[in-house]
PDB file of N, CA and C in Angstrom:
ATOM      1  N   PHE A   1     144.796 115.725 169.250  1.00  0.00           N
ATOM      2  CA  PHE A   1     145.719 115.937 168.137  1.00  0.00           C
ATOM      3  C   PHE A   1     145.539 117.334 167.531  1.00  0.00           C
ATOM      4  N   ARG A   2     144.319 117.879 167.644  1.00  0.00           N
ATOM      5  CA  ARG A   2     144.078 119.222 167.108  1.00  0.00           C
ATOM      6  C   ARG A   2     145.040 120.234 167.735  1.00  0.00           C
ATOM      7  N   ILE A   3     145.198 120.161 169.044  1.00  0.00           N
ATOM      8  CA  ILE A   3     146.077 121.108 169.743  1.00  0.00           C
ATOM      9  C   ILE A   3     147.527 120.932 169.274  1.00  0.00           C
ATOM     10  N   LEU A   4     147.964 119.695 169.171  1.00  0.00           N
ATOM     11  CA  LEU A   4     149.321 119.407 168.694  1.00  0.00           C
ATOM     12  C   LEU A   4     149.541 119.996 167.299  1.00  0.00           C
ATOM     13  N   ILE A   5     148.590 119.783 166.423  1.00  0.00           N
ATOM     14  CA  ILE A   5     148.702 120.283 165.047  1.00  0.00           C
ATOM     15  C   ILE A   5     148.681 121.804 165.010  1.00  0.00           C
ATOM     16  N   GLU A   6     147.775 122.403 165.764  1.00  0.00           N
ATOM     17  CA  GLU A   6     147.707 123.870 165.790  1.00  0.00           C
ATOM     18  C   GLU A   6     148.998 124.476 166.325  1.00  0.00           C
ATOM     19  N   ASP A   7     149.603 123.837 167.329  1.00  0.00           N
ATOM     20  CA  ASP A   7     150.894 124.309 167.855  1.00  0.00           C
ATOM     21  C   ASP A   7     151.977 124.213 166.788  1.00  0.00           C
ATOM     22  N   LYS A   8     151.989 123.107 166.052  1.00  0.00           N
ATOM     23  CA  LYS A   8     152.983 122.934 164.985  1.00  0.00           C
ATOM     24  C   LYS A   8     152.773 123.968 163.873  1.00  0.00           C
ATOM     25  N   ILE A   9     151.536 124.275 163.554  1.00  0.00           N
ATOM     26  CA  ILE A   9     151.250 125.304 162.537  1.00  0.00           C
ATOM     27  C   ILE A   9     151.777 126.655 163.013  1.00  0.00           C
ATOM     28  N   GLU A  10     151.527 126.978 164.270  1.00  0.00           N
ATOM     29  CA  GLU A  10     151.990 128.259 164.815  1.00  0.00           C
ATOM     30  C   GLU A  10     153.523 128.354 164.757  1.00  0.00           C
ATOM     31  N   LYS A  11     154.209 127.274 165.138  1.00  0.00           N
ATOM     32  CA  LYS A  11     155.673 127.271 165.090  1.00  0.00           C
ATOM     33  C   LYS A  11     156.176 127.386 163.653  1.00  0.00           C
ATOM     34  N   ALA A  12     155.519 126.692 162.742  1.00  0.00           N
ATOM     35  CA  ALA A  12     155.931 126.748 161.334  1.00  0.00           C
ATOM     36  C   ALA A  12     155.723 128.151 160.768  1.00  0.00           C
ATOM     37  N   ARG A  13     154.649 128.807 161.150  1.00  0.00           N
ATOM     38  CA  ARG A  13     154.413 130.178 160.671  1.00  0.00           C
ATOM     39  C   ARG A  13     155.461 131.141 161.212  1.00  0.00           C
ATOM     40  N   LYS A  14     155.873 130.930 162.460  1.00  0.00           N
ATOM     41  CA  LYS A  14     156.951 131.751 163.027  1.00  0.00           C
ATOM     42  C   LYS A  14     158.250 131.514 162.263  1.00  0.00           C
ATOM     43  N   GLN A  15     158.508 130.250 161.913  1.00  0.00           N
ATOM     44  CA  GLN A  15     159.701 129.917 161.139  1.00  0.00           C
ATOM     45  C   GLN A  15     159.647 130.587 159.769  1.00  0.00           C
ATOM     46  N   LEU A  16     158.473 130.583 159.157  1.00  0.00           N
ATOM     47  CA  LEU A  16     158.283 131.233 157.863  1.00  0.00           C
ATOM     48  C   LEU A  16     158.559 132.732 157.976  1.00  0.00           C
ATOM     49  N   ASP A  17     158.081 133.351 159.053  1.00  0.00           N
ATOM     50  CA  ASP A  17     158.356 134.776 159.286  1.00  0.00           C
ATOM     51  C   ASP A  17     159.863 135.016 159.435  1.00  0.00           C
ATOM     52  N   PHE A  18     160.541 134.102 160.126  1.00  0.00           N
ATOM     53  CA  PHE A  18     161.990 134.218 160.301  1.00  0.00           C
ATOM     54  C   PHE A  18     162.704 134.176 158.955  1.00  0.00           C
ATOM     55  N   TYR A  19     162.294 133.237 158.100  1.00  0.00           N
ATOM     56  CA  TYR A  19     162.902 133.155 156.770  1.00  0.00           C
ATOM     57  C   TYR A  19     162.660 134.435 155.976  1.00  0.00           C
ATOM     58  N   GLN A  20     161.467 134.988 156.103  1.00  0.00           N
ATOM     59  CA  GLN A  20     161.163 136.219 155.375  1.00  0.00           C
ATOM     60  C   GLN A  20     162.051 137.361 155.854  1.00  0.00           C
ATOM     61  N   VAL A  21     162.283 137.437 157.156  1.00  0.00           N
ATOM     62  CA  VAL A  21     163.173 138.463 157.709  1.00  0.00           C
ATOM     63  C   VAL A  21     164.586 138.264 157.164  1.00  0.00           C
ATOM     64  N   GLN A  22     165.030 136.996 157.081  1.00  0.00           N
ATOM     65  CA  GLN A  22     166.362 136.727 156.525  1.00  0.00           C
ATOM     66  C   GLN A  22     166.461 137.237 155.089  1.00  0.00           C
ATOM     67  N   ILE A  23     165.459 136.945 154.288  1.00  0.00           N
ATOM     68  CA  ILE A  23     165.451 137.403 152.891  1.00  0.00           C
ATOM     69  C   ILE A  23     165.479 138.930 152.859  1.00  0.00           C
ATOM     70  N   ASP A  24     164.649 139.549 153.681  1.00  0.00           N
ATOM     71  CA  ASP A  24     164.592 141.013 153.704  1.00  0.00           C
ATOM     72  C   ASP A  24     165.924 141.622 154.121  1.00  0.00           C
ATOM     73  N   GLU A  25     166.582 141.008 155.092  1.00  0.00           N
ATOM     74  CA  GLU A  25     167.862 141.532 155.571  1.00  0.00           C
ATOM     75  C   GLU A  25     168.979 141.309 154.555  1.00  0.00           C
ATOM     76  N   LEU A  26     168.897 140.204 153.825  1.00  0.00           N
ATOM     77  CA  LEU A  26     169.954 139.886 152.864  1.00  0.00           C
ATOM     78  C   LEU A  26     169.870 140.722 151.595  1.00  0.00           C
ATOM     79  N   THR A  27     168.673 141.027 151.177  1.00  0.00           N
ATOM     80  CA  THR A  27     168.542 141.747 149.908  1.00  0.00           C
ATOM     81  C   THR A  27     168.812 143.229 150.108  1.00  0.00           C
ATOM     82  N   ASN A  28     169.317 143.827 149.038  1.00  0.00           N
ATOM     83  CA  ASN A  28     169.762 145.215 149.126  1.00  0.00           C
ATOM     84  C   ASN A  28     169.231 146.006 147.939  1.00  0.00           C
ATOM     85  N   GLY A  29     167.941 146.194 147.885  1.00  0.00           N
ATOM     86  CA  GLY A  29     167.421 147.041 146.823  1.00  0.00           C
ATOM     87  C   GLY A  29     166.683 146.290 145.744  1.00  0.00           C
ATOM     88  N   PRO A  30     166.286 147.015 144.705  1.00  0.00           N
ATOM     89  CA  PRO A  30     165.430 146.451 143.671  1.00  0.00           C
ATOM     90  C   PRO A  30     166.084 145.369 142.818  1.00  0.00           C
ATOM     91  N   ASP A  31     167.436 145.365 142.754  1.00  0.00           N
ATOM     92  CA  ASP A  31     168.088 144.351 141.931  1.00  0.00           C
ATOM     93  C   ASP A  31     168.191 143.006 142.642  1.00  0.00           C
ATOM     94  N   GLY A  32     167.872 142.954 143.952  1.00  0.00           N
ATOM     95  CA  GLY A  32     167.844 141.702 144.691  1.00  0.00           C
ATOM     96  C   GLY A  32     169.200 141.154 145.092  1.00  0.00           C
ATOM     97  N   HIS A  33     170.244 141.932 144.953  1.00  0.00           N
ATOM     98  CA  HIS A  33     171.569 141.457 145.357  1.00  0.00           C
ATOM     99  C   HIS A  33     171.673 141.400 146.869  1.00  0.00           C
ATOM    100  N   ILE A  34     172.489 140.491 147.343  1.00  0.00           N
ATOM    101  CA  ILE A  34     172.683 140.319 148.776  1.00  0.00           C
ATOM    102  C   ILE A  34     173.844 141.188 149.235  1.00  0.00           C
ATOM    103  N   LYS A  35     173.628 141.849 150.364  1.00  0.00           N
ATOM    104  CA  LYS A  35     174.627 142.760 150.914  1.00  0.00           C
ATOM    105  C   LYS A  35     175.944 142.049 151.199  1.00  0.00           C
ATOM    106  N   GLY A  36     177.013 142.579 150.667  1.00  0.00           N
ATOM    107  CA  GLY A  36     178.349 142.138 151.015  1.00  0.00           C
ATOM    108  C   GLY A  36     178.776 140.779 150.482  1.00  0.00           C
ATOM    109  N   LEU A  37     178.001 140.180 149.623  1.00  0.00           N
ATOM    110  CA  LEU A  37     178.362 138.870 149.078  1.00  0.00           C
ATOM    111  C   LEU A  37     178.466 138.950 147.569  1.00  0.00           C
ATOM    112  N   ASP A  38     179.364 138.132 146.992  1.00  0.00           N
ATOM    113  CA  ASP A  38     179.440 138.126 145.531  1.00  0.00           C
ATOM    114  C   ASP A  38     178.214 137.429 144.950  1.00  0.00           C
ATOM    115  N   ASP A  39     178.017 137.554 143.662  1.00  0.00           N
ATOM    116  CA  ASP A  39     176.795 137.062 143.021  1.00  0.00           C
ATOM    117  C   ASP A  39     176.564 135.568 143.203  1.00  0.00           C
ATOM    118  N   GLY A  40     177.610 134.756 143.129  1.00  0.00           N
ATOM    119  CA  GLY A  40     177.455 133.308 143.281  1.00  0.00           C
ATOM    120  C   GLY A  40     176.966 132.922 144.660  1.00  0.00           C
ATOM    121  N   ILE A  41     177.598 133.500 145.666  1.00  0.00           N
ATOM    122  CA  ILE A  41     177.192 133.221 147.042  1.00  0.00           C
ATOM    123  C   ILE A  41     175.807 133.806 147.303  1.00  0.00           C
ATOM    124  N   ALA A  42     175.553 134.989 146.779  1.00  0.00           N
ATOM    125  CA  ALA A  42     174.262 135.641 146.976  1.00  0.00           C
ATOM    126  C   ALA A  42     173.134 134.783 146.434  1.00  0.00           C
ATOM    127  N   THR A  43     173.317 134.288 145.233  1.00  0.00           N
ATOM    128  CA  THR A  43     172.293 133.460 144.610  1.00  0.00           C
ATOM    129  C   THR A  43     172.094 132.176 145.390  1.00  0.00           C
ATOM    130  N   SER A  44     173.169 131.547 145.789  1.00  0.00           N
ATOM    131  CA  SER A  44     173.097 130.294 146.533  1.00  0.00           C
ATOM    132  C   SER A  44     172.381 130.477 147.869  1.00  0.00           C
ATOM    133  N   GLU A  45     172.735 131.504 148.594  1.00  0.00           N
ATOM    134  CA  GLU A  45     172.120 131.772 149.900  1.00  0.00           C
ATOM    135  C   GLU A  45     170.640 132.096 149.748  1.00  0.00           C
ATOM    136  N   THR A  46     170.305 132.909 148.780  1.00  0.00           N
ATOM    137  CA  THR A  46     168.901 133.262 148.549  1.00  0.00           C
ATOM    138  C   THR A  46     168.096 132.024 148.179  1.00  0.00           C
ATOM    139  N   GLU A  47     168.634 131.199 147.298  1.00  0.00           N
ATOM    140  CA  GLU A  47     167.933 129.977 146.891  1.00  0.00           C
ATOM    141  C   GLU A  47     167.714 129.044 148.068  1.00  0.00           C
ATOM    142  N   HIS A  48     168.718 128.938 148.926  1.00  0.00           N
ATOM    143  CA  HIS A  48     168.605 128.067 150.096  1.00  0.00           C
ATOM    144  C   HIS A  48     167.469 128.530 151.007  1.00  0.00           C
ATOM    145  N   VAL A  49     167.424 129.811 151.304  1.00  0.00           N
ATOM    146  CA  VAL A  49     166.372 130.340 152.173  1.00  0.00           C
ATOM    147  C   VAL A  49     165.006 130.194 151.503  1.00  0.00           C
ATOM    148  N   MET A  50     164.946 130.400 150.200  1.00  0.00           N
ATOM    149  CA  MET A  50     163.678 130.251 149.480  1.00  0.00           C
ATOM    150  C   MET A  50     163.202 128.792 149.510  1.00  0.00           C
ATOM    151  N   GLN A  51     164.138 127.844 149.391  1.00  0.00           N
ATOM    152  CA  GLN A  51     163.780 126.423 149.485  1.00  0.00           C
ATOM    153  C   GLN A  51     163.234 126.097 150.871  1.00  0.00           C
ATOM    154  N   MET A  52     163.858 126.647 151.897  1.00  0.00           N
ATOM    155  CA  MET A  52     163.371 126.421 153.256  1.00  0.00           C
ATOM    156  C   MET A  52     161.976 127.008 153.442  1.00  0.00           C
ATOM    157  N   MET A  53     161.737 128.165 152.846  1.00  0.00           N
ATOM    158  CA  MET A  53     160.408 128.769 152.914  1.00  0.00           C
ATOM    159  C   MET A  53     159.382 127.878 152.215  1.00  0.00           C
ATOM    160  N   ALA A  54     159.734 127.352 151.059  1.00  0.00           N
ATOM    161  CA  ALA A  54     158.820 126.487 150.311  1.00  0.00           C
ATOM    162  C   ALA A  54     158.495 125.224 151.107  1.00  0.00           C
ATOM    163  N   ARG A  55     159.504 124.630 151.727  1.00  0.00           N
ATOM    164  CA  ARG A  55     159.275 123.428 152.545  1.00  0.00           C
ATOM    165  C   ARG A  55     158.357 123.733 153.719  1.00  0.00           C
ATOM    166  N   THR A  56     158.582 124.881 154.347  1.00  0.00           N
ATOM    167  CA  THR A  56     157.769 125.256 155.497  1.00  0.00           C
ATOM    168  C   THR A  56     156.324 125.504 155.074  1.00  0.00           C
ATOM    169  N   LYS A  57     156.129 126.152 153.931  1.00  0.00           N
ATOM    170  CA  LYS A  57     154.767 126.375 153.425  1.00  0.00           C
ATOM    171  C   LYS A  57     154.077 125.042 153.135  1.00  0.00           C
ATOM    172  N   LYS A  58     154.813 124.110 152.556  1.00  0.00           N
ATOM    173  CA  LYS A  58     154.260 122.785 152.254  1.00  0.00           C
ATOM    174  C   LYS A  58     153.889 122.065 153.552  1.00  0.00           C
ATOM    175  N   HIS A  59     154.752 122.177 154.555  1.00  0.00           N
ATOM    176  CA  HIS A  59     154.484 121.561 155.851  1.00  0.00           C
ATOM    177  C   HIS A  59     153.211 122.136 156.468  1.00  0.00           C
ATOM    178  N   ILE A  60     153.058 123.442 156.411  1.00  0.00           N
ATOM    179  CA  ILE A  60     151.853 124.089 156.933  1.00  0.00           C
ATOM    180  C   ILE A  60     150.620 123.579 156.201  1.00  0.00           C
ATOM    181  N   LYS A  61     150.719 123.447 154.894  1.00  0.00           N
ATOM    182  CA  LYS A  61     149.593 122.955 154.102  1.00  0.00           C
ATOM    183  C   LYS A  61     149.203 121.537 154.529  1.00  0.00           C
ATOM    184  N   HIS A  62     150.202 120.670 154.751  1.00  0.00           N
ATOM    185  CA  HIS A  62     149.921 119.304 155.214  1.00  0.00           C
ATOM    186  C   HIS A  62     149.244 119.319 156.584  1.00  0.00           C
ATOM    187  N   LEU A  63     149.718 120.178 157.472  1.00  0.00           N
ATOM    188  CA  LEU A  63     149.121 120.272 158.804  1.00  0.00           C
ATOM    189  C   LEU A  63     147.688 120.800 158.732  1.00  0.00           C
ATOM    190  N   GLU A  64     147.459 121.790 157.883  1.00  0.00           N
ATOM    191  CA  GLU A  64     146.100 122.312 157.720  1.00  0.00           C
ATOM    192  C   GLU A  64     145.170 121.244 157.138  1.00  0.00           C
ATOM    193  N   SER A  65     145.691 120.421 156.250  1.00  0.00           N
ATOM    194  CA  SER A  65     144.900 119.307 155.703  1.00  0.00           C
ATOM    195  C   SER A  65     144.544 118.309 156.802  1.00  0.00           C
ATOM    196  N   ALA A  66     145.457 118.116 157.743  1.00  0.00           N
ATOM    197  CA  ALA A  66     145.178 117.223 158.871  1.00  0.00           C
ATOM    198  C   ALA A  66     144.023 117.758 159.712  1.00  0.00           C
ATOM    199  N   LEU A  67     143.973 119.075 159.882  1.00  0.00           N
ATOM    200  CA  LEU A  67     142.848 119.676 160.620  1.00  0.00           C
ATOM    201  C   LEU A  67     141.529 119.430 159.895  1.00  0.00           C
ATOM    202  N   VAL A  68     141.554 119.509 158.580  1.00  0.00           N
ATOM    203  CA  VAL A  68     140.351 119.230 157.789  1.00  0.00           C
ATOM    204  C   VAL A  68     139.932 117.774 157.984  1.00  0.00           C
ATOM    205  N   ARG A  69     140.909 116.871 158.002  1.00  0.00           N
ATOM    206  CA  ARG A  69     140.586 115.449 158.220  1.00  0.00           C
ATOM    207  C   ARG A  69     139.981 115.235 159.601  1.00  0.00           C
ATOM    208  N   ILE A  70     140.451 115.985 160.597  1.00  0.00           N
ATOM    209  CA  ILE A  70     139.851 115.897 161.938  1.00  0.00           C
ATOM    210  C   ILE A  70     138.392 116.330 161.857  1.00  0.00           C
ATOM    211  N   ASP A  71     138.145 117.472 161.203  1.00  0.00           N
ATOM    212  CA  ASP A  71     136.775 117.975 161.067  1.00  0.00           C
ATOM    213  C   ASP A  71     135.877 116.992 160.322  1.00  0.00           C
ATOM    214  N   ASN A  72     136.453 116.285 159.346  1.00  0.00           N
ATOM    215  CA  ASN A  72     135.682 115.334 158.536  1.00  0.00           C
ATOM    216  C   ASN A  72     135.633 113.933 159.151  1.00  0.00           C
ATOM    217  N   LYS A  73     136.205 113.809 160.346  1.00  0.00           N
ATOM    218  CA  LYS A  73     136.192 112.535 161.087  1.00  0.00           C
ATOM    219  C   LYS A  73     136.926 111.402 160.373  1.00  0.00           C
ATOM    220  N   VAL A  74     137.952 111.726 159.586  1.00  0.00           N
ATOM    221  CA  VAL A  74     138.756 110.702 158.918  1.00  0.00           C
ATOM    222  C   VAL A  74     140.229 110.794 159.320  1.00  0.00           C
ATOM    223  N   TYR A  75     140.520 111.611 160.314  1.00  0.00           N
ATOM    224  CA  TYR A  75     141.903 111.755 160.772  1.00  0.00           C
ATOM    225  C   TYR A  75     142.358 110.454 161.414  1.00  0.00           C
ATOM    226  N   GLY A  76     143.588 110.048 161.114  1.00  0.00           N
ATOM    227  CA  GLY A  76     144.173 108.872 161.735  1.00  0.00           C
ATOM    228  C   GLY A  76     143.818 107.567 161.058  1.00  0.00           C
ATOM    229  N   ILE A  77     143.207 107.659 159.893  1.00  0.00           N
ATOM    230  CA  ILE A  77     142.866 106.466 159.129  1.00  0.00           C
ATOM    231  C   ILE A  77     143.770 106.412 157.905  1.00  0.00           C
ATOM    232  N   CYS A  78     144.457 105.291 157.727  1.00  0.00           N
ATOM    233  CA  CYS A  78     145.381 105.122 156.609  1.00  0.00           C
ATOM    234  C   CYS A  78     144.617 105.176 155.294  1.00  0.00           C
ATOM    235  N   ARG A  79     145.108 105.981 154.365  1.00  0.00           N
ATOM    236  CA  ARG A  79     144.417 106.126 153.081  1.00  0.00           C
ATOM    237  C   ARG A  79     144.626 104.931 152.159  1.00  0.00           C
ATOM    238  N   ILE A  80     145.556 104.037 152.496  1.00  0.00           N
ATOM    239  CA  ILE A  80     145.790 102.833 151.690  1.00  0.00           C
ATOM    240  C   ILE A  80     145.067 101.631 152.288  1.00  0.00           C
ATOM    241  N   THR A  81     145.323 101.377 153.568  1.00  0.00           N
ATOM    242  CA  THR A  81     144.778 100.165 154.198  1.00  0.00           C
ATOM    243  C   THR A  81     143.413 100.372 154.827  1.00  0.00           C
ATOM    244  N   GLY A  82     143.074 101.607 155.154  1.00  0.00           N
ATOM    245  CA  GLY A  82     141.813 101.884 155.839  1.00  0.00           C
ATOM    246  C   GLY A  82     141.870 101.587 157.329  1.00  0.00           C
ATOM    247  N   LYS A  83     143.045 101.176 157.806  1.00  0.00           N
ATOM    248  CA  LYS A  83     143.226 100.877 159.227  1.00  0.00           C
ATOM    249  C   LYS A  83     143.625 102.135 159.985  1.00  0.00           C
ATOM    250  N   LEU A  84     143.467 102.071 161.309  1.00  0.00           N
ATOM    251  CA  LEU A  84     143.885 103.193 162.140  1.00  0.00           C
ATOM    252  C   LEU A  84     145.405 103.312 162.140  1.00  0.00           C
ATOM    253  N   ILE A  85     145.879 104.540 162.078  1.00  0.00           N
ATOM    254  CA  ILE A  85     147.311 104.825 162.171  1.00  0.00           C
ATOM    255  C   ILE A  85     147.658 104.872 163.661  1.00  0.00           C
ATOM    256  N   ALA A  86     148.762 104.259 164.036  1.00  0.00           N
ATOM    257  CA  ALA A  86     149.174 104.213 165.443  1.00  0.00           C
ATOM    258  C   ALA A  86     149.312 105.619 166.022  1.00  0.00           C
ATOM    259  N   LYS A  87     148.841 105.783 167.245  1.00  0.00           N
ATOM    260  CA  LYS A  87     148.915 107.093 167.904  1.00  0.00           C
ATOM    261  C   LYS A  87     150.355 107.575 168.028  1.00  0.00           C
ATOM    262  N   GLU A  88     151.290 106.645 168.243  1.00  0.00           N
ATOM    263  CA  GLU A  88     152.702 107.035 168.346  1.00  0.00           C
ATOM    264  C   GLU A  88     153.164 107.684 167.051  1.00  0.00           C
ATOM    265  N   ARG A  89     152.734 107.123 165.921  1.00  0.00           N
ATOM    266  CA  ARG A  89     153.099 107.690 164.621  1.00  0.00           C
ATOM    267  C   ARG A  89     152.477 109.069 164.459  1.00  0.00           C
ATOM    268  N   LEU A  90     151.222 109.203 164.847  1.00  0.00           N
ATOM    269  CA  LEU A  90     150.544 110.497 164.700  1.00  0.00           C
ATOM    270  C   LEU A  90     151.149 111.553 165.626  1.00  0.00           C
ATOM    271  N   ARG A  91     151.642 111.137 166.775  1.00  0.00           N
ATOM    272  CA  ARG A  91     152.321 112.104 167.646  1.00  0.00           C
ATOM    273  C   ARG A  91     153.615 112.594 167.006  1.00  0.00           C
ATOM    274  N   ALA A  92     154.319 111.689 166.354  1.00  0.00           N
ATOM    275  CA  ALA A  92     155.583 112.036 165.699  1.00  0.00           C
ATOM    276  C   ALA A  92     155.358 112.787 164.395  1.00  0.00           C
ATOM    277  N   VAL A  93     154.358 112.339 163.622  1.00  0.00           N
ATOM    278  CA  VAL A  93     154.050 112.942 162.320  1.00  0.00           C
ATOM    279  C   VAL A  93     152.525 113.166 162.273  1.00  0.00           C
ATOM    280  N   PRO A  94     152.054 114.258 162.880  1.00  0.00           N
ATOM    281  CA  PRO A  94     150.603 114.440 163.017  1.00  0.00           C
ATOM    282  C   PRO A  94     149.847 114.600 161.704  1.00  0.00           C
ATOM    283  N   HIS A  95     150.550 114.849 160.611  1.00  0.00           N
ATOM    284  CA  HIS A  95     149.878 114.979 159.318  1.00  0.00           C
ATOM    285  C   HIS A  95     149.952 113.696 158.497  1.00  0.00           C
ATOM    286  N   ALA A  96     150.399 112.593 159.128  1.00  0.00           N
ATOM    287  CA  ALA A  96     150.548 111.314 158.423  1.00  0.00           C
ATOM    288  C   ALA A  96     149.203 110.836 157.877  1.00  0.00           C
ATOM    289  N   THR A  97     149.245 110.298 156.669  1.00  0.00           N
ATOM    290  CA  THR A  97     148.040 109.726 156.062  1.00  0.00           C
ATOM    291  C   THR A  97     148.228 108.239 155.777  1.00  0.00           C
ATOM    292  N   LEU A  98     149.410 107.722 156.109  1.00  0.00           N
ATOM    293  CA  LEU A  98     149.714 106.307 155.888  1.00  0.00           C
ATOM    294  C   LEU A  98     150.139 105.655 157.194  1.00  0.00           C
ATOM    295  N   SER A  99     149.711 104.413 157.391  1.00  0.00           N
ATOM    296  CA  SER A  99     150.204 103.632 158.520  1.00  0.00           C
ATOM    297  C   SER A  99     151.650 103.250 158.219  1.00  0.00           C
ATOM    298  N   ILE A 100     152.351 102.809 159.239  1.00  0.00           N
ATOM    299  CA  ILE A 100     153.732 102.348 159.044  1.00  0.00           C
ATOM    300  C   ILE A 100     153.759 101.227 158.010  1.00  0.00           C
ATOM    301  N   GLU A 101     152.809 100.302 158.125  1.00  0.00           N
ATOM    302  CA  GLU A 101     152.733  99.167 157.190  1.00  0.00           C
ATOM    303  C   GLU A 101     152.604  99.648 155.750  1.00  0.00           C
ATOM    304  N   ALA A 102     151.702 100.556 155.498  1.00  0.00           N
ATOM    305  CA  ALA A 102     151.496 101.068 154.136  1.00  0.00           C
ATOM    306  C   ALA A 102     152.714 101.833 153.648  1.00  0.00           C
ATOM    307  N   LYS A 103     153.321 102.622 154.524  1.00  0.00           N
ATOM    308  CA  LYS A 103     154.515 103.387 154.161  1.00  0.00           C
ATOM    309  C   LYS A 103     155.669 102.455 153.778  1.00  0.00           C
ATOM    310  N   GLN A 104     155.863 101.416 154.560  1.00  0.00           N
ATOM    311  CA  GLN A 104     156.932 100.463 154.265  1.00  0.00           C
ATOM    312  C   GLN A 104     156.666  99.730 152.946  1.00  0.00           C
ATOM    313  N   ASN A 105     155.430  99.372 152.697  1.00  0.00           N
ATOM    314  CA  ASN A 105     155.087  98.698 151.446  1.00  0.00           C
ATOM    315  C   ASN A 105     155.318  99.616 150.244  1.00  0.00           C
ATOM    316  N   MET A 106     155.043 100.894 150.391  1.00  0.00           N
ATOM    317  CA  MET A 106     155.265 101.852 149.294  1.00  0.00           C
ATOM    318  C   MET A 106     156.752 102.017 149.017  1.00  0.00           C
ATOM    319  N   GLU A 107     157.580 101.974 150.061  1.00  0.00           N
ATOM    320  CA  GLU A 107     159.020 102.169 149.906  1.00  0.00           C
ATOM    321  C   GLU A 107     159.681 100.996 149.201  1.00  0.00           C
ATOM    322  N   LYS A 108     159.040  99.830 149.211  1.00  0.00           N
ATOM    323  CA  LYS A 108     159.601  98.654 148.531  1.00  0.00           C
ATOM    324  C   LYS A 108     159.561  98.820 147.018  1.00  0.00           C
ATOM    325  N   PHE A 109     158.625  99.635 146.548  1.00  0.00           N
ATOM    326  CA  PHE A 109     158.462  99.787 145.091  1.00  0.00           C
ATOM    327  C   PHE A 109     159.165 100.976 144.627  1.00  0.00           C
TER     328      PHE A 109
END
């Protein structure tokens, strides 16, 4: 799982770099206006890219936390039930901290 997580971190960092390039290309000087767009569209587009950057940073943080759990020998253990998280779930969501059972129980409330 370490390799899977490290690959996902690398891809997420590349995505973050892409978003930064988009911001750099869109902005036009110290006032932060976007080239060729009116203020409403400029603000909306900038906010959208910034939100994507924030999500990607959060995703990287979750993945890095998963690496710490691997190092601490607690990776793949549900933080609610204490049971092992299914490998299929960890392959799909390698930073998961809840088993499917615990996740479903949380969604009921």
